[in-house]
Amino acid sequence: MGMMSEFKDFAMRGNVVDMAVGIVIGGAFGKIVSSFVADVLMPPIGLLLGGVDFSDLAIKLKDAVGEAAPVMINYGKFIQTAVDFVIIAFAIFMVVKAMNSMKKPEEAPAPAPDPGPSAEETLLGEIRDLLKK
């Protein structure tokens, strides 16, 4: 079996196609959440904190020299990304929780009936009974 036919078999499985669709939708959802956090959520929070623009929060480690850009630690962007992550993680949690609640509860398997004594135990019991007589 050639490598291409193995790849075709792998790619055409239902789970792989479902996963690809989920990744595309997840990427789009991530962009929506990032825009929501940066453009809708963080400006009012920054306003409440005294007019802070989170995207501008940074620590300058080294000034710009000539053509080289300054060296900065952009912790404001990190805060926005962390808020993005929390919102996306919560949304995924809610989706998984909803999917789990829609599943039918699995019935507990019925306990197996007691098979009784084995053939050896039965034979030994008969020998015991014969010896008692």
N, C-alpha and C. Protein backbone atom coordinates (compact mmCIF):
# COMPACT_ATOMS: atom_id res chain seq x y z
N MET A 1 0.86 -1.18 0.00
CA MET A 1 0.00 0.00 0.00
C MET A 1 0.90 1.24 0.00
N GLY A 2 0.68 2.09 -0.98
CA GLY A 2 1.53 3.26 -1.11
C GLY A 2 1.23 4.32 -0.06
N MET A 3 2.18 5.20 0.09
CA MET A 3 2.04 6.26 1.09
C MET A 3 0.86 7.17 0.78
N MET A 4 0.62 7.45 -0.49
CA MET A 4 -0.50 8.32 -0.86
C MET A 4 -1.84 7.68 -0.54
N SER A 5 -1.97 6.38 -0.78
CA SER A 5 -3.25 5.73 -0.47
C SER A 5 -3.46 5.64 1.03
N GLU A 6 -2.37 5.45 1.80
CA GLU A 6 -2.50 5.46 3.26
C GLU A 6 -2.94 6.82 3.75
N PHE A 7 -2.34 7.87 3.16
CA PHE A 7 -2.73 9.23 3.55
C PHE A 7 -4.19 9.49 3.20
N LYS A 8 -4.62 9.03 2.02
CA LYS A 8 -6.02 9.23 1.61
C LYS A 8 -6.96 8.52 2.58
N ASP A 9 -6.63 7.29 2.98
CA ASP A 9 -7.46 6.57 3.96
C ASP A 9 -7.51 7.32 5.28
N PHE A 10 -6.36 7.86 5.71
CA PHE A 10 -6.30 8.61 6.96
C PHE A 10 -7.12 9.89 6.87
N ALA A 11 -6.96 10.64 5.78
CA ALA A 11 -7.62 11.93 5.65
C ALA A 11 -9.13 11.81 5.45
N MET A 12 -9.59 10.69 4.93
CA MET A 12 -11.02 10.54 4.67
C MET A 12 -11.79 9.92 5.85
N ARG A 13 -11.10 9.62 6.92
CA ARG A 13 -11.82 9.15 8.11
C ARG A 13 -12.70 10.27 8.62
N GLY A 14 -13.81 9.91 9.19
CA GLY A 14 -14.76 10.92 9.69
C GLY A 14 -14.16 11.79 10.77
N ASN A 15 -13.40 11.20 11.67
CA ASN A 15 -12.85 11.97 12.79
C ASN A 15 -11.87 13.04 12.31
N VAL A 16 -11.08 12.75 11.30
CA VAL A 16 -10.11 13.71 10.81
C VAL A 16 -10.81 14.89 10.15
N VAL A 17 -11.84 14.61 9.37
CA VAL A 17 -12.59 15.68 8.72
C VAL A 17 -13.29 16.53 9.78
N ASP A 18 -13.89 15.90 10.77
CA ASP A 18 -14.53 16.65 11.86
C ASP A 18 -13.52 17.52 12.59
N MET A 19 -12.32 16.97 12.82
CA MET A 19 -11.29 17.73 13.52
C MET A 19 -10.87 18.94 12.69
N ALA A 20 -10.74 18.77 11.37
CA ALA A 20 -10.34 19.88 10.50
C ALA A 20 -11.39 20.99 10.54
N VAL A 21 -12.66 20.62 10.48
CA VAL A 21 -13.73 21.61 10.55
C VAL A 21 -13.68 22.33 11.90
N GLY A 22 -13.45 21.59 12.97
CA GLY A 22 -13.35 22.19 14.30
C GLY A 22 -12.19 23.17 14.41
N ILE A 23 -11.07 22.83 13.78
CA ILE A 23 -9.90 23.72 13.83
C ILE A 23 -10.19 25.02 13.09
N VAL A 24 -10.82 24.93 11.92
CA VAL A 24 -11.14 26.13 11.14
C VAL A 24 -12.12 27.01 11.91
N ILE A 25 -13.17 26.40 12.46
CA ILE A 25 -14.15 27.17 13.24
C ILE A 25 -13.50 27.74 14.50
N GLY A 26 -12.65 26.95 15.14
CA GLY A 26 -11.96 27.42 16.33
C GLY A 26 -11.05 28.60 16.04
N GLY A 27 -10.37 28.59 14.90
CA GLY A 27 -9.52 29.72 14.52
C GLY A 27 -10.33 30.99 14.32
N ALA A 28 -11.47 30.84 13.66
CA ALA A 28 -12.35 32.00 13.46
C ALA A 28 -12.90 32.49 14.80
N PHE A 29 -13.27 31.56 15.67
CA PHE A 29 -13.79 31.93 16.98
C PHE A 29 -12.72 32.65 17.79
N GLY A 30 -11.48 32.19 17.67
CA GLY A 30 -10.37 32.85 18.38
C GLY A 30 -10.19 34.28 17.93
N LYS A 31 -10.31 34.54 16.63
CA LYS A 31 -10.19 35.91 16.13
C LYS A 31 -11.32 36.78 16.64
N ILE A 32 -12.52 36.22 16.68
CA ILE A 32 -13.67 36.98 17.19
C ILE A 32 -13.46 37.34 18.65
N VAL A 33 -13.02 36.37 19.44
CA VAL A 33 -12.79 36.63 20.87
C VAL A 33 -11.67 37.64 21.05
N SER A 34 -10.60 37.53 20.26
CA SER A 34 -9.50 38.50 20.38
C SER A 34 -9.98 39.91 20.07
N SER A 35 -10.79 40.06 19.04
CA SER A 35 -11.33 41.37 18.72
C SER A 35 -12.25 41.86 19.83
N PHE A 36 -13.08 40.96 20.37
CA PHE A 36 -13.98 41.33 21.46
C PHE A 36 -13.19 41.84 22.66
N VAL A 37 -12.14 41.12 23.02
CA VAL A 37 -11.35 41.52 24.19
C VAL A 37 -10.63 42.84 23.92
N ALA A 38 -9.95 42.96 22.78
CA ALA A 38 -9.15 44.15 22.51
C ALA A 38 -10.00 45.39 22.24
N ASP A 39 -11.13 45.20 21.56
CA ASP A 39 -11.90 46.36 21.11
C ASP A 39 -13.13 46.68 21.94
N VAL A 40 -13.65 45.71 22.67
CA VAL A 40 -14.89 45.92 23.43
C VAL A 40 -14.66 45.81 24.94
N LEU A 41 -13.96 44.80 25.37
CA LEU A 41 -13.85 44.52 26.80
C LEU A 41 -12.76 45.34 27.50
N MET A 42 -11.58 45.41 26.92
CA MET A 42 -10.46 46.06 27.59
C MET A 42 -10.56 47.59 27.66
N PRO A 43 -11.11 48.29 26.65
CA PRO A 43 -11.22 49.75 26.79
C PRO A 43 -12.04 50.19 28.01
N PRO A 44 -13.22 49.61 28.29
CA PRO A 44 -13.92 50.04 29.51
C PRO A 44 -13.16 49.67 30.79
N ILE A 45 -12.49 48.53 30.78
CA ILE A 45 -11.70 48.15 31.96
C ILE A 45 -10.56 49.15 32.15
N GLY A 46 -9.90 49.53 31.05
CA GLY A 46 -8.85 50.53 31.13
C GLY A 46 -9.37 51.87 31.60
N LEU A 47 -10.59 52.23 31.17
CA LEU A 47 -11.20 53.49 31.60
C LEU A 47 -11.48 53.46 33.09
N LEU A 48 -11.98 52.32 33.58
CA LEU A 48 -12.24 52.18 35.02
C LEU A 48 -10.96 52.25 35.84
N LEU A 49 -9.85 51.83 35.24
CA LEU A 49 -8.57 51.85 35.95
C LEU A 49 -7.81 53.15 35.75
N GLY A 50 -8.49 54.18 35.29
CA GLY A 50 -7.86 55.49 35.17
C GLY A 50 -7.35 55.82 33.77
N GLY A 51 -8.04 55.34 32.76
CA GLY A 51 -7.66 55.67 31.39
C GLY A 51 -6.47 54.89 30.86
N VAL A 52 -6.27 53.69 31.32
CA VAL A 52 -5.14 52.87 30.89
C VAL A 52 -5.49 52.18 29.58
N ASP A 53 -4.57 52.23 28.61
CA ASP A 53 -4.71 51.48 27.37
C ASP A 53 -3.81 50.26 27.49
N PHE A 54 -4.41 49.10 27.64
CA PHE A 54 -3.64 47.89 27.90
C PHE A 54 -2.66 47.55 26.78
N SER A 55 -3.02 47.87 25.55
CA SER A 55 -2.12 47.53 24.44
C SER A 55 -0.84 48.36 24.48
N ASP A 56 -0.85 49.48 25.20
CA ASP A 56 0.34 50.32 25.30
C ASP A 56 1.18 50.03 26.54
N LEU A 57 0.71 49.20 27.44
CA LEU A 57 1.46 48.93 28.65
C LEU A 57 2.71 48.11 28.31
N ALA A 58 3.85 48.65 28.68
CA ALA A 58 5.11 47.96 28.37
C ALA A 58 6.21 48.48 29.28
N ILE A 59 7.24 47.68 29.39
CA ILE A 59 8.45 48.08 30.12
C ILE A 59 9.56 48.17 29.07
N LYS A 60 10.20 49.33 29.00
CA LYS A 60 11.28 49.52 28.03
C LYS A 60 12.58 49.04 28.67
N LEU A 61 13.19 48.06 28.04
CA LEU A 61 14.46 47.53 28.53
C LEU A 61 15.65 48.27 27.93
N LYS A 62 15.49 48.68 26.66
CA LYS A 62 16.59 49.37 25.98
C LYS A 62 15.99 50.34 24.97
N ASP A 63 16.49 51.57 24.94
CA ASP A 63 16.01 52.57 24.00
C ASP A 63 16.40 52.20 22.57
N ALA A 64 15.69 52.79 21.63
CA ALA A 64 16.00 52.58 20.22
C ALA A 64 17.36 53.19 19.91
N VAL A 65 18.13 52.46 19.14
CA VAL A 65 19.44 52.95 18.74
C VAL A 65 19.50 52.89 17.22
N GLY A 66 19.52 54.06 16.58
CA GLY A 66 19.58 54.11 15.12
C GLY A 66 18.35 53.47 14.50
N GLU A 67 18.59 52.46 13.67
CA GLU A 67 17.51 51.76 12.99
C GLU A 67 16.88 50.68 13.87
N ALA A 68 17.56 50.26 14.91
CA ALA A 68 17.07 49.17 15.78
C ALA A 68 15.92 49.68 16.65
N ALA A 69 14.90 48.86 16.74
CA ALA A 69 13.73 49.20 17.56
C ALA A 69 14.08 49.04 19.03
N PRO A 70 13.34 49.73 19.90
CA PRO A 70 13.60 49.55 21.33
C PRO A 70 13.22 48.14 21.78
N VAL A 71 13.88 47.69 22.83
CA VAL A 71 13.58 46.38 23.40
C VAL A 71 12.53 46.59 24.47
N MET A 72 11.35 45.93 24.31
CA MET A 72 10.22 46.18 25.20
C MET A 72 9.64 44.86 25.71
N ILE A 73 9.12 44.87 26.90
CA ILE A 73 8.29 43.78 27.43
C ILE A 73 6.86 44.31 27.40
N ASN A 74 6.06 43.79 26.49
CA ASN A 74 4.68 44.27 26.29
C ASN A 74 3.72 43.47 27.17
N TYR A 75 3.69 43.77 28.44
CA TYR A 75 2.84 43.01 29.34
C TYR A 75 1.36 43.34 29.18
N GLY A 76 1.02 44.49 28.60
CA GLY A 76 -0.38 44.82 28.32
C GLY A 76 -0.98 43.88 27.29
N LYS A 77 -0.21 43.59 26.24
CA LYS A 77 -0.68 42.63 25.23
C LYS A 77 -0.80 41.24 25.83
N PHE A 78 0.12 40.92 26.75
CA PHE A 78 0.04 39.62 27.43
C PHE A 78 -1.25 39.52 28.24
N ILE A 79 -1.62 40.59 28.93
CA ILE A 79 -2.86 40.59 29.72
C ILE A 79 -4.06 40.37 28.80
N GLN A 80 -4.07 41.04 27.64
CA GLN A 80 -5.16 40.84 26.69
C GLN A 80 -5.21 39.40 26.19
N THR A 81 -4.06 38.83 25.91
CA THR A 81 -4.01 37.45 25.43
C THR A 81 -4.48 36.48 26.53
N ALA A 82 -4.13 36.76 27.77
CA ALA A 82 -4.59 35.91 28.88
C ALA A 82 -6.11 35.98 29.03
N VAL A 83 -6.68 37.18 28.87
CA VAL A 83 -8.13 37.32 28.93
C VAL A 83 -8.78 36.57 27.76
N ASP A 84 -8.16 36.65 26.56
CA ASP A 84 -8.64 35.87 25.41
C ASP A 84 -8.69 34.39 25.77
N PHE A 85 -7.61 33.90 26.33
CA PHE A 85 -7.53 32.48 26.67
C PHE A 85 -8.61 32.07 27.66
N VAL A 86 -8.83 32.88 28.68
CA VAL A 86 -9.84 32.55 29.69
C VAL A 86 -11.23 32.48 29.06
N ILE A 87 -11.54 33.44 28.19
CA ILE A 87 -12.85 33.44 27.54
C ILE A 87 -13.00 32.23 26.62
N ILE A 88 -11.98 31.92 25.83
CA ILE A 88 -12.05 30.76 24.93
C ILE A 88 -12.14 29.46 25.73
N ALA A 89 -11.34 29.34 26.79
CA ALA A 89 -11.38 28.13 27.61
C ALA A 89 -12.76 27.95 28.24
N PHE A 90 -13.36 29.04 28.71
CA PHE A 90 -14.69 28.94 29.30
C PHE A 90 -15.73 28.55 28.26
N ALA A 91 -15.61 29.12 27.05
CA ALA A 91 -16.56 28.76 25.98
C ALA A 91 -16.43 27.29 25.62
N ILE A 92 -15.22 26.79 25.51
CA ILE A 92 -15.02 25.36 25.20
C ILE A 92 -15.56 24.49 26.33
N PHE A 93 -15.34 24.90 27.57
CA PHE A 93 -15.88 24.17 28.71
C PHE A 93 -17.40 24.08 28.62
N MET A 94 -18.04 25.20 28.27
CA MET A 94 -19.50 25.19 28.18
C MET A 94 -19.99 24.29 27.04
N VAL A 95 -19.28 24.28 25.91
CA VAL A 95 -19.66 23.42 24.79
C VAL A 95 -19.51 21.95 25.19
N VAL A 96 -18.40 21.61 25.81
CA VAL A 96 -18.19 20.21 26.23
C VAL A 96 -19.23 19.80 27.27
N LYS A 97 -19.53 20.71 28.19
CA LYS A 97 -20.53 20.41 29.21
C LYS A 97 -21.91 20.18 28.56
N ALA A 98 -22.25 21.01 27.58
CA ALA A 98 -23.54 20.84 26.89
C ALA A 98 -23.58 19.53 26.12
N MET A 99 -22.47 19.18 25.47
CA MET A 99 -22.44 17.92 24.72
C MET A 99 -22.55 16.72 25.65
N ASN A 100 -21.90 16.81 26.81
CA ASN A 100 -21.98 15.71 27.78
C ASN A 100 -23.39 15.56 28.33
N SER A 101 -24.10 16.67 28.50
CA SER A 101 -25.46 16.59 29.04
C SER A 101 -26.44 16.03 28.00
N MET A 102 -26.10 16.16 26.70
CA MET A 102 -26.97 15.63 25.66
C MET A 102 -26.77 14.13 25.44
N LYS A 103 -25.66 13.60 25.91
CA LYS A 103 -25.43 12.17 25.76
C LYS A 103 -26.43 11.40 26.59
N LYS A 104 -26.84 10.26 26.06
CA LYS A 104 -27.71 9.39 26.83
C LYS A 104 -26.87 8.72 27.91
N PRO A 105 -27.39 8.68 29.12
CA PRO A 105 -26.62 8.00 30.16
C PRO A 105 -26.51 6.51 29.83
N GLU A 106 -25.32 6.01 29.98
CA GLU A 106 -25.10 4.60 29.69
C GLU A 106 -25.66 3.76 30.82
N GLU A 107 -26.37 2.73 30.42
CA GLU A 107 -26.91 1.83 31.43
C GLU A 107 -25.78 0.99 32.00
N ALA A 108 -25.86 0.79 33.30
CA ALA A 108 -24.85 -0.04 33.95
C ALA A 108 -25.07 -1.47 33.48
N PRO A 109 -24.00 -2.16 33.15
CA PRO A 109 -24.18 -3.54 32.70
C PRO A 109 -24.76 -4.39 33.82
N ALA A 110 -25.69 -5.26 33.42
CA ALA A 110 -26.31 -6.14 34.42
C ALA A 110 -25.25 -7.06 34.99
N PRO A 111 -25.30 -7.28 36.29
CA PRO A 111 -24.29 -8.16 36.87
C PRO A 111 -24.45 -9.58 36.29
N ALA A 112 -23.33 -10.18 36.05
CA ALA A 112 -23.34 -11.53 35.48
C ALA A 112 -23.92 -12.50 36.51
N PRO A 113 -24.77 -13.41 36.05
CA PRO A 113 -25.32 -14.39 37.00
C PRO A 113 -24.20 -15.26 37.56
N ASP A 114 -24.40 -15.69 38.80
CA ASP A 114 -23.40 -16.53 39.45
C ASP A 114 -23.31 -17.85 38.69
N PRO A 115 -22.14 -18.18 38.16
CA PRO A 115 -22.03 -19.38 37.34
C PRO A 115 -22.16 -20.67 38.15
N GLY A 116 -22.16 -20.55 39.44
CA GLY A 116 -22.25 -21.76 40.26
C GLY A 116 -20.89 -22.42 40.38
N PRO A 117 -20.86 -23.56 41.03
CA PRO A 117 -19.56 -24.22 41.22
C PRO A 117 -19.03 -24.77 39.89
N SER A 118 -17.71 -24.81 39.80
CA SER A 118 -17.09 -25.34 38.59
C SER A 118 -17.25 -26.86 38.57
N ALA A 119 -16.89 -27.46 37.44
CA ALA A 119 -17.02 -28.91 37.29
C ALA A 119 -16.16 -29.64 38.33
N GLU A 120 -14.97 -29.10 38.61
CA GLU A 120 -14.09 -29.73 39.60
C GLU A 120 -14.71 -29.68 40.99
N GLU A 121 -15.28 -28.50 41.33
CA GLU A 121 -15.89 -28.36 42.66
C GLU A 121 -17.07 -29.31 42.80
N THR A 122 -17.86 -29.45 41.74
CA THR A 122 -19.00 -30.38 41.78
C THR A 122 -18.51 -31.81 41.98
N LEU A 123 -17.48 -32.19 41.22
CA LEU A 123 -16.91 -33.53 41.34
C LEU A 123 -16.34 -33.78 42.72
N LEU A 124 -15.63 -32.80 43.27
CA LEU A 124 -15.07 -32.95 44.61
C LEU A 124 -16.18 -33.04 45.65
N GLY A 125 -17.26 -32.31 45.45
CA GLY A 125 -18.40 -32.41 46.37
C GLY A 125 -19.02 -33.79 46.34
N GLU A 126 -19.14 -34.36 45.14
CA GLU A 126 -19.69 -35.72 45.02
C GLU A 126 -18.78 -36.73 45.69
N ILE A 127 -17.46 -36.58 45.52
CA ILE A 127 -16.51 -37.50 46.17
C ILE A 127 -16.62 -37.37 47.68
N ARG A 128 -16.74 -36.15 48.17
CA ARG A 128 -16.90 -35.94 49.62
C ARG A 128 -18.14 -36.63 50.14
N ASP A 129 -19.24 -36.45 49.40
CA ASP A 129 -20.51 -37.07 49.83
C ASP A 129 -20.39 -38.60 49.83
N LEU A 130 -19.71 -39.16 48.83
CA LEU A 130 -19.52 -40.62 48.78
C LEU A 130 -18.65 -41.10 49.94
N LEU A 131 -17.63 -40.32 50.30
CA LEU A 131 -16.76 -40.73 51.40
C LEU A 131 -17.49 -40.66 52.74
N LYS A 132 -18.45 -39.74 52.87
CA LYS A 132 -19.22 -39.64 54.10
C LYS A 132 -20.09 -40.89 54.29
N LYS A 133 -20.55 -41.48 53.21
CA LYS A 133 -21.41 -42.66 53.29
C LYS A 133 -20.56 -43.83 53.67
